[in-house]
Amino acid sequence: MDMDRNTAFAVLLDIEKSEAFSNLALNRRIAENQPQNQAFVRELVYGVLKYKLLLDYQLDRLVKTGVRKLKKQDLTLLRMGMYQLIFMDSVPEYAAVSETVQMAKKYARGRESFINAVLRSFIRSGRKLQLPDRAQDTVGYLSVAYSAAPWIVRLWMDAYGEQETEALLAASNQTPELCVRVNPLRTTAAQLAEELRGAGFLVKPAPHTAHALLVRGSGLLATEAYRRGCFSVQDEASILVADAVGAQPGETVLDVCAAPGGKSLAMAEQMENRGALLAMDLYEHKLSLIEKHAQSAGITIVQTRCHDSRECLETYIGCADRVLADVPCSGLGVLRRKPEIKYKETSELTELVKIQKQILAAAAAYVKPGGTLVYSTCTINPAENDRQTAAFLAAHEEFHKTEEQQFLPQMGMDGLYYCKMKRAE
């Protein structure tokens, strides 16, 4: 059996059955199965996830009983076959169908004739995509065309209007460029770029920050430069949030929701490894990863503490020059990296906003007079972003806003928000 498609099927079924995170499920299955063409596996997995609603909309018109009544194995195989037929020009029609049918013989026994018939019916139709009538149902059209839950489309249309929403949806389906943050304790951007080019990578400066490079090529994490801690993989928007904190050498800095640690290490590098940086998180195993990466990067000023940041630690009240609260959020700014988020329900939003409010209030207590507080998320949702900080500022007159930014994926980076606030002297 084709191990590449077999691996993709296993990943997609993991996500469908247990709501596994796509990146974790993909890395685990690739490590187990050792497929020959990892790029093909990743394209197939992320492609099916990115366009799940579009694929299901087509299948709904080909399956008499509709997709909702299909078993997960059947539906996953049909999605894979349809994605190859619609989007993967490098895959011949016969291969898309025959390989899917071969997999059905193992994973959906007795259903191979049905799956073959559905895929061939789509081919006979001229592979023409069906979409809702945009004039009659704008939300439905955009939801299917770009494959995002209708509530996300409505949310963005209310905030940004139809044209900007469509640009957001389109950008959220793009594959992000690989961005690395240069570690100034180990090298410079120019030196790292030269070293990576010498190793066969295509490298160019990141457009929005001098601390980063955009890199193309395979095996980046196997390079000597990575082993020496010369860089970390981090999106440009995330780096810009760390930049906004403005951490200086010798200061005391708190990162109250630190995992996976990229912003903590970025701030420690900006501090030239002088001062004190406390990285807190709810999960102990995530903190051990931060410690591991800090050691690799030559950073010694980062300490970690397992703590629920909704609660204030009296020990640190009024002690920090700068505090970063990069809070848990709906993740609508990173759909291009985690497309499974596009299909979540709205039920958890209310609870998230409550948690964010609690974390922000607790984080504010750590800021010394004249100090800086930065609130950030990786989402594009006013309720979690500007409305959240506006409510905080209205209730905390000792703070005033000095800067506010909403990055959008059509800028070529993840969608992130931050609000920088200063405490009165």
Protein backbone atom coordinates (compact mmCIF):
# COMPACT_ATOMS: atom_id res chain seq x y z
CA MET A 1 0.00 0.00 0.00
CA ASP A 2 1.04 3.59 -0.68
CA MET A 3 2.64 4.56 2.66
CA ASP A 4 2.34 8.29 1.91
CA ARG A 5 -1.45 8.16 1.54
CA ASN A 6 -1.68 5.60 4.33
CA THR A 7 0.06 8.02 6.69
CA ALA A 8 -2.12 10.92 5.62
CA PHE A 9 -5.24 8.80 6.23
CA ALA A 10 -4.05 7.86 9.73
CA VAL A 11 -3.40 11.51 10.63
CA LEU A 12 -6.77 12.71 9.33
CA LEU A 13 -8.59 9.93 11.16
CA ASP A 14 -6.73 10.82 14.39
CA ILE A 15 -7.95 14.40 14.04
CA GLU A 16 -11.49 13.33 13.11
CA LYS A 17 -11.87 10.81 15.92
CA SER A 18 -9.97 12.37 18.81
CA GLU A 19 -9.67 16.03 17.79
CA ALA A 20 -5.89 15.69 17.83
CA PHE A 21 -3.82 18.76 16.93
CA SER A 22 -2.84 18.48 13.27
CA ASN A 23 0.85 19.29 13.73
CA LEU A 24 1.30 16.83 16.61
CA ALA A 25 -0.63 14.03 14.91
CA LEU A 26 1.28 14.58 11.67
CA ASN A 27 4.70 14.54 13.29
CA ARG A 28 3.86 11.42 15.29
CA ARG A 29 2.55 9.42 12.33
CA ILE A 30 5.43 10.48 10.08
CA ALA A 31 7.90 9.33 12.74
CA GLU A 32 6.07 5.98 13.04
CA ASN A 33 5.49 5.25 9.35
CA GLN A 34 8.54 6.88 7.74
CA PRO A 35 6.69 7.74 4.49
CA GLN A 36 8.80 8.26 1.39
CA ASN A 37 7.41 11.69 0.46
CA GLN A 38 6.75 13.71 3.61
CA ALA A 39 5.91 16.83 1.60
CA PHE A 40 3.12 14.94 -0.18
CA VAL A 41 1.77 13.69 3.16
CA ARG A 42 1.77 17.19 4.64
CA GLU A 43 0.10 18.70 1.59
CA LEU A 44 -2.62 16.07 1.59
CA VAL A 45 -3.29 16.35 5.33
CA TYR A 46 -3.31 20.14 5.49
CA GLY A 47 -5.15 20.40 2.18
CA VAL A 48 -8.02 18.20 3.36
CA LEU A 49 -8.16 20.12 6.64
CA LYS A 50 -8.06 23.52 4.95
CA TYR A 51 -10.88 22.70 2.55
CA LYS A 52 -12.97 20.26 4.56
CA LEU A 53 -16.23 22.22 4.22
CA LEU A 54 -15.71 22.72 0.48
CA LEU A 55 -15.00 19.01 0.01
CA ASP A 56 -18.04 18.00 2.07
CA TYR A 57 -20.26 20.40 0.14
CA GLN A 58 -19.29 18.65 -3.11
CA LEU A 59 -19.70 15.19 -1.59
CA ASP A 60 -23.12 16.08 -0.23
CA ARG A 61 -24.29 16.40 -3.82
CA LEU A 62 -22.80 13.07 -4.83
CA VAL A 63 -23.85 10.93 -1.86
CA LYS A 64 -27.60 10.29 -1.72
CA THR A 65 -27.74 10.03 2.07
CA GLY A 66 -25.41 13.04 2.59
CA VAL A 67 -22.01 13.11 4.25
CA ARG A 68 -23.31 13.30 7.82
CA LYS A 69 -24.41 9.66 7.74
CA LEU A 70 -21.09 8.38 6.44
CA LYS A 71 -18.68 6.56 8.73
CA LYS A 72 -15.52 8.49 9.55
CA GLN A 73 -13.36 6.06 7.57
CA ASP A 74 -15.52 6.41 4.44
CA LEU A 75 -15.69 10.18 4.69
CA THR A 76 -11.96 10.58 5.30
CA LEU A 77 -11.14 8.47 2.23
CA LEU A 78 -13.59 10.42 0.08
CA ARG A 79 -12.18 13.73 1.25
CA MET A 80 -8.67 12.57 0.38
CA GLY A 81 -9.73 11.41 -3.07
CA MET A 82 -11.70 14.59 -3.76
CA TYR A 83 -8.86 16.83 -2.61
CA GLN A 84 -6.44 15.11 -4.99
CA LEU A 85 -8.91 15.45 -7.87
CA ILE A 86 -9.62 19.14 -7.20
CA PHE A 87 -6.33 20.58 -6.01
CA MET A 88 -3.39 18.27 -6.76
CA ASP A 89 -2.56 18.70 -10.44
CA SER A 90 0.49 16.48 -10.02
CA VAL A 91 -1.75 13.48 -9.25
CA PRO A 92 -3.40 11.84 -12.30
CA GLU A 93 -7.15 11.14 -12.06
CA TYR A 94 -6.65 7.39 -12.21
CA ALA A 95 -4.14 7.47 -9.33
CA ALA A 96 -6.37 9.64 -7.12
CA VAL A 97 -9.22 7.16 -7.58
CA SER A 98 -7.39 3.83 -7.68
CA GLU A 99 -5.17 4.55 -4.66
CA THR A 100 -8.19 5.68 -2.63
CA VAL A 101 -10.09 2.52 -3.60
CA GLN A 102 -7.10 0.37 -2.65
CA MET A 103 -7.06 1.99 0.79
CA ALA A 104 -10.80 1.39 1.12
CA LYS A 105 -10.18 -2.34 0.76
CA LYS A 106 -8.27 -2.17 4.04
CA TYR A 107 -9.93 0.64 5.99
CA ALA A 108 -13.53 0.56 4.70
CA ARG A 109 -14.05 -3.04 3.65
CA GLY A 110 -17.13 -3.53 1.51
CA ARG A 111 -17.31 0.18 0.68
CA GLU A 112 -14.70 0.29 -2.07
CA SER A 113 -17.31 0.13 -4.88
CA PHE A 114 -19.27 2.97 -3.30
CA ILE A 115 -16.15 5.14 -2.90
CA ASN A 116 -15.08 4.38 -6.47
CA ALA A 117 -18.55 5.35 -7.76
CA VAL A 118 -18.62 8.66 -5.89
CA LEU A 119 -15.19 9.75 -7.12
CA ARG A 120 -15.90 8.69 -10.71
CA SER A 121 -19.23 10.52 -10.61
CA PHE A 122 -17.36 13.71 -9.72
CA ILE A 123 -14.98 13.15 -12.64
CA ARG A 124 -17.92 12.61 -15.04
CA SER A 125 -19.42 15.91 -13.86
CA GLY A 126 -16.33 17.65 -15.23
CA ARG A 127 -14.92 18.17 -11.71
CA LYS A 128 -16.94 21.37 -11.54
CA LEU A 129 -17.26 22.81 -8.05
CA GLN A 130 -20.66 23.66 -6.63
CA LEU A 131 -20.99 26.69 -4.34
CA PRO A 132 -23.89 28.47 -2.61
CA ASP A 133 -25.35 31.48 -4.43
CA ARG A 134 -23.29 34.44 -3.23
CA ALA A 135 -26.05 36.97 -3.89
CA GLN A 136 -28.56 34.97 -1.84
CA ASP A 137 -26.25 33.75 0.92
CA THR A 138 -22.98 35.65 1.26
CA VAL A 139 -22.00 33.97 4.54
CA GLY A 140 -22.76 30.51 3.14
CA TYR A 141 -20.80 31.21 -0.03
CA LEU A 142 -17.70 32.44 1.80
CA SER A 143 -17.98 29.66 4.38
CA VAL A 144 -17.94 26.95 1.69
CA ALA A 145 -15.59 28.62 -0.79
CA TYR A 146 -12.89 29.19 1.84
CA SER A 147 -13.97 26.39 4.20
CA ALA A 148 -14.51 28.16 7.50
CA ALA A 149 -17.32 27.82 10.01
CA PRO A 150 -20.15 30.32 9.32
CA TRP A 151 -19.72 31.96 12.73
CA ILE A 152 -16.14 32.95 11.83
CA VAL A 153 -17.34 34.50 8.56
CA ARG A 154 -20.06 36.45 10.40
CA LEU A 155 -17.62 37.57 13.09
CA TRP A 156 -15.15 38.95 10.55
CA MET A 157 -17.84 40.48 8.35
CA ASP A 158 -19.23 42.37 11.34
CA ALA A 159 -15.74 43.60 12.24
CA TYR A 160 -14.18 44.18 8.81
CA GLY A 161 -16.83 44.01 6.08
CA GLU A 162 -17.19 41.55 3.21
CA GLN A 163 -14.12 42.48 1.13
CA GLU A 164 -11.65 42.37 4.01
CA THR A 165 -13.25 39.17 5.32
CA GLU A 166 -12.68 37.45 2.00
CA ALA A 167 -9.05 38.59 2.03
CA LEU A 168 -8.70 37.22 5.58
CA LEU A 169 -10.21 33.88 4.59
CA ALA A 170 -8.01 33.59 1.50
CA ALA A 171 -4.85 34.44 3.44
CA SER A 172 -5.77 31.95 6.17
CA ASN A 173 -5.62 29.15 3.57
CA GLN A 174 -2.14 30.07 2.37
CA THR A 175 0.93 28.09 3.38
CA PRO A 176 3.09 30.28 5.64
CA GLU A 177 6.72 30.92 4.85
CA LEU A 178 9.21 29.50 7.31
CA CYS A 179 10.50 32.29 9.52
CA VAL A 180 13.38 32.02 11.97
CA ARG A 181 14.39 34.37 14.77
CA VAL A 182 18.11 35.06 14.87
CA ASN A 183 19.75 34.59 18.26
CA PRO A 184 22.09 37.59 18.73
CA LEU A 185 23.87 35.79 21.56
CA ARG A 186 25.19 33.31 19.01
CA THR A 187 25.35 35.09 15.66
CA THR A 188 24.08 37.96 13.50
CA ALA A 189 21.38 37.93 10.83
CA ALA A 190 24.01 38.43 8.11
CA GLN A 191 26.24 35.64 9.43
CA LEU A 192 23.33 33.21 9.81
CA ALA A 193 22.02 33.99 6.34
CA GLU A 194 25.45 33.31 4.86
CA GLU A 195 25.81 30.04 6.77
CA LEU A 196 22.37 28.78 5.74
CA ARG A 197 22.91 29.72 2.11
CA GLY A 198 26.16 27.80 2.24
CA ALA A 199 24.15 24.79 3.43
CA GLY A 200 21.88 25.05 0.39
CA PHE A 201 18.97 27.05 1.75
CA LEU A 202 17.24 30.00 0.13
CA VAL A 203 17.31 32.89 2.59
CA LYS A 204 15.98 36.43 2.56
CA PRO A 205 15.46 39.08 5.27
CA ALA A 206 12.05 39.12 6.95
CA PRO A 207 10.17 42.26 5.84
CA HIS A 208 8.92 43.48 9.23
CA THR A 209 11.73 42.88 11.72
CA ALA A 210 15.52 42.83 11.56
CA HIS A 211 15.56 39.93 14.03
CA ALA A 212 14.30 37.36 11.52
CA LEU A 213 14.96 35.57 8.23
CA LEU A 214 12.67 33.76 5.81
CA VAL A 215 14.12 30.38 4.85
CA ARG A 216 13.27 27.77 2.21
CA GLY A 217 14.67 24.27 2.09
CA SER A 218 14.37 20.93 3.84
CA GLY A 219 16.25 19.72 6.89
CA LEU A 220 16.61 23.12 8.56
CA LEU A 221 16.41 21.67 12.08
CA ALA A 222 19.18 19.21 11.25
CA THR A 223 21.69 21.98 10.53
CA GLU A 224 24.74 22.78 12.60
CA ALA A 225 23.42 26.33 13.05
CA TYR A 226 20.29 25.01 14.74
CA ARG A 227 22.31 22.63 16.90
CA ARG A 228 24.36 25.60 18.11
CA GLY A 229 21.21 27.54 19.02
CA CYS A 230 21.75 30.22 16.40
CA PHE A 231 18.06 30.50 15.60
CA SER A 232 14.56 29.46 16.59
CA VAL A 233 11.56 28.92 14.35
CA GLN A 234 9.07 31.70 15.10
CA ASP A 235 6.58 33.68 13.03
CA GLU A 236 7.34 37.32 12.39
CA ALA A 237 4.20 38.56 14.15
CA SER A 238 5.17 36.68 17.29
CA ILE A 239 8.61 38.27 17.18
CA LEU A 240 7.01 41.71 16.83
CA VAL A 241 4.98 41.09 19.99
CA ALA A 242 8.19 40.33 21.89
CA ASP A 243 9.73 43.45 20.35
CA ALA A 244 6.79 45.51 21.61
CA VAL A 245 7.53 44.50 25.20
CA GLY A 246 10.86 46.29 24.80
CA ALA A 247 12.76 44.28 27.41
CA GLN A 248 16.10 45.86 28.34
CA PRO A 249 19.31 44.40 29.82
CA GLY A 250 19.19 44.23 33.62
CA GLU A 251 15.39 44.42 33.91
CA THR A 252 12.95 42.09 35.62
CA VAL A 253 10.47 40.63 33.14
CA LEU A 254 7.52 38.28 33.63
CA ASP A 255 5.91 36.17 30.91
CA VAL A 256 2.77 34.84 32.58
CA CYS A 257 1.61 32.43 29.81
CA ALA A 258 4.99 31.52 28.41
CA ALA A 259 4.63 28.20 26.55
CA PRO A 260 5.88 27.27 24.04
CA GLY A 261 8.48 29.87 25.02
CA GLY A 262 9.38 31.69 21.80
CA LYS A 263 8.51 35.13 23.16
CA SER A 264 10.28 34.45 26.47
CA LEU A 265 13.51 33.55 24.71
CA ALA A 266 13.18 36.44 22.28
CA MET A 267 12.90 38.86 25.20
CA ALA A 268 15.86 37.22 27.01
CA GLU A 269 17.97 37.65 23.86
CA GLN A 270 16.98 41.32 23.66
CA MET A 271 18.04 41.63 27.32
CA GLU A 272 21.48 40.35 26.25
CA ASN A 273 21.05 37.58 28.84
CA ARG A 274 21.29 40.14 31.66
CA GLY A 275 18.57 40.60 34.26
CA ALA A 276 15.81 38.19 35.28
CA LEU A 277 12.98 36.65 33.27
CA LEU A 278 10.33 34.47 34.88
CA ALA A 279 8.38 32.25 32.48
CA MET A 280 5.16 30.88 33.95
CA ASP A 281 2.78 28.32 32.53
CA LEU A 282 0.03 25.98 33.66
CA TYR A 283 1.77 22.82 32.44
CA GLU A 284 5.04 21.51 33.84
CA HIS A 285 6.04 19.55 30.71
CA LYS A 286 5.85 22.70 28.61
CA LEU A 287 8.16 24.53 31.00
CA SER A 288 10.79 21.80 30.68
CA LEU A 289 10.82 22.42 26.91
CA ILE A 290 11.40 26.14 27.51
CA GLU A 291 14.33 25.30 29.78
CA LYS A 292 15.76 22.97 27.13
CA HIS A 293 15.55 25.60 24.38
CA ALA A 294 16.99 28.28 26.68
CA GLN A 295 20.01 26.09 27.37
CA SER A 296 20.53 25.50 23.64
CA ALA A 297 20.33 29.25 22.98
CA GLY A 298 22.89 30.07 25.70
CA ILE A 299 20.30 31.82 27.87
CA THR A 300 20.74 31.61 31.64
CA ILE A 301 18.42 34.33 32.97
CA VAL A 302 15.16 32.44 32.32
CA GLN A 303 13.56 30.77 35.32
CA THR A 304 10.32 28.81 35.06
CA ARG A 305 7.39 28.32 37.40
CA CYS A 306 4.29 26.15 37.05
CA HIS A 307 1.35 28.39 37.90
CA ASP A 308 -2.25 29.17 36.97
CA SER A 309 -1.88 32.78 35.85
CA ARG A 310 -5.49 33.61 36.61
CA GLU A 311 -4.32 33.83 40.21
CA CYS A 312 -1.90 36.52 41.38
CA LEU A 313 1.32 35.51 43.12
CA GLU A 314 1.85 37.94 46.01
CA THR A 315 5.62 37.42 45.87
CA TYR A 316 5.85 39.25 42.54
CA ILE A 317 3.36 42.07 43.07
CA GLY A 318 4.86 45.38 41.90
CA CYS A 319 8.26 43.84 41.09
CA ALA A 320 8.38 43.69 37.28
CA ASP A 321 9.65 46.29 34.85
CA ARG A 322 7.74 44.56 32.06
CA VAL A 323 5.01 41.92 31.95
CA LEU A 324 3.75 39.99 28.95
CA ALA A 325 0.32 38.33 29.09
CA ASP A 326 0.12 36.28 25.90
CA VAL A 327 -3.21 34.70 26.85
CA PRO A 328 -5.04 31.55 25.68
CA CYS A 329 -7.35 32.47 22.81
CA SER A 330 -9.51 31.17 19.97
CA GLY A 331 -6.51 31.03 17.62
CA LEU A 332 -8.26 32.61 14.63
CA GLY A 333 -5.01 34.30 13.61
CA VAL A 334 -3.16 31.02 13.06
CA LEU A 335 -5.67 29.13 10.89
CA ARG A 336 -3.04 28.66 8.18
CA ARG A 337 -0.99 26.64 10.70
CA LYS A 338 -3.85 24.93 12.54
CA PRO A 339 -6.73 24.62 10.05
CA GLU A 340 -8.72 22.36 12.38
CA ILE A 341 -9.55 25.51 14.41
CA LYS A 342 -11.78 26.64 11.53
CA TYR A 343 -14.40 24.06 12.49
CA LYS A 344 -14.63 24.64 16.23
CA GLU A 345 -17.89 25.73 17.82
CA THR A 346 -18.38 29.10 19.51
CA SER A 347 -19.25 27.56 22.88
CA GLU A 348 -15.76 28.01 24.34
CA LEU A 349 -15.44 31.70 23.42
CA THR A 350 -17.36 33.02 26.43
CA GLU A 351 -15.19 31.06 28.82
CA LEU A 352 -12.00 32.14 27.01
CA VAL A 353 -12.88 35.82 27.33
CA LYS A 354 -13.46 35.31 31.06
CA ILE A 355 -10.10 33.57 31.48
CA GLN A 356 -8.32 36.30 29.52
CA LYS A 357 -9.83 38.98 31.76
CA GLN A 358 -8.66 37.15 34.88
CA ILE A 359 -5.12 36.65 33.57
CA LEU A 360 -4.82 40.28 32.48
CA ALA A 361 -5.97 41.57 35.88
CA ALA A 362 -3.51 39.30 37.71
CA ALA A 363 -0.64 40.21 35.36
CA ALA A 364 -1.24 43.93 35.91
CA ALA A 365 -0.53 43.56 39.61
CA TYR A 366 3.07 42.50 38.86
CA VAL A 367 3.90 45.75 37.03
CA LYS A 368 5.87 48.28 39.06
CA PRO A 369 5.05 52.02 38.82
CA GLY A 370 6.26 53.28 35.45
CA GLY A 371 6.44 49.70 34.14
CA THR A 372 5.02 48.20 30.96
CA LEU A 373 2.23 45.66 30.47
CA VAL A 374 1.63 43.97 27.10
CA TYR A 375 -1.50 41.93 26.43
CA SER A 376 -1.45 39.74 23.33
CA THR A 377 -3.38 37.00 21.52
CA CYS A 378 -3.02 35.01 18.31
CA THR A 379 -6.59 35.71 17.24
CA ILE A 380 -8.63 38.10 15.13
CA ASN A 381 -11.64 38.77 17.32
CA PRO A 382 -12.54 42.16 18.86
CA ALA A 383 -14.10 40.50 21.92
CA GLU A 384 -10.74 38.93 22.79
CA ASN A 385 -8.62 41.86 21.65
CA ASP A 386 -9.45 45.56 21.64
CA ARG A 387 -12.71 45.17 23.57
CA GLN A 388 -10.88 43.15 26.20
CA THR A 389 -8.15 45.76 26.69
CA ALA A 390 -10.62 48.65 26.53
CA ALA A 391 -12.59 47.10 29.40
CA PHE A 392 -9.35 46.58 31.36
CA LEU A 393 -8.23 50.19 30.87
CA ALA A 394 -11.65 51.49 31.90
CA ALA A 395 -11.37 49.54 35.16
CA HIS A 396 -7.67 50.33 35.80
CA GLU A 397 -7.06 54.06 35.58
CA GLU A 398 -3.45 53.59 36.69
CA PHE A 399 -2.71 52.21 33.19
CA HIS A 400 -2.85 53.99 29.85
CA LYS A 401 -2.45 52.60 26.33
CA THR A 402 0.73 53.52 24.45
CA GLU A 403 0.45 51.24 21.39
CA GLU A 404 -2.02 48.82 19.83
CA GLN A 405 -1.59 46.55 16.79
CA GLN A 406 -3.65 43.93 14.97
CA PHE A 407 -1.59 41.91 12.50
CA LEU A 408 -3.52 40.10 9.76
CA PRO A 409 -2.44 37.06 7.71
CA GLN A 410 -2.69 39.01 4.44
CA MET A 411 0.31 40.97 5.75
CA GLY A 412 2.34 37.78 5.24
CA MET A 413 2.39 36.80 8.91
CA ASP A 414 0.14 35.23 11.52
CA GLY A 415 -2.84 37.17 12.78
CA LEU A 416 -1.78 38.50 16.18
CA TYR A 417 -2.94 41.34 18.41
CA TYR A 418 -1.16 43.25 21.14
CA CYS A 419 -1.87 46.23 23.32
CA LYS A 420 1.01 47.91 25.13
CA MET A 421 0.13 49.77 28.34
CA LYS A 422 2.14 51.79 30.82
CA ARG A 423 1.54 52.06 34.55
CA ALA A 424 1.61 55.54 36.07
CA GLU A 425 4.69 56.46 38.08
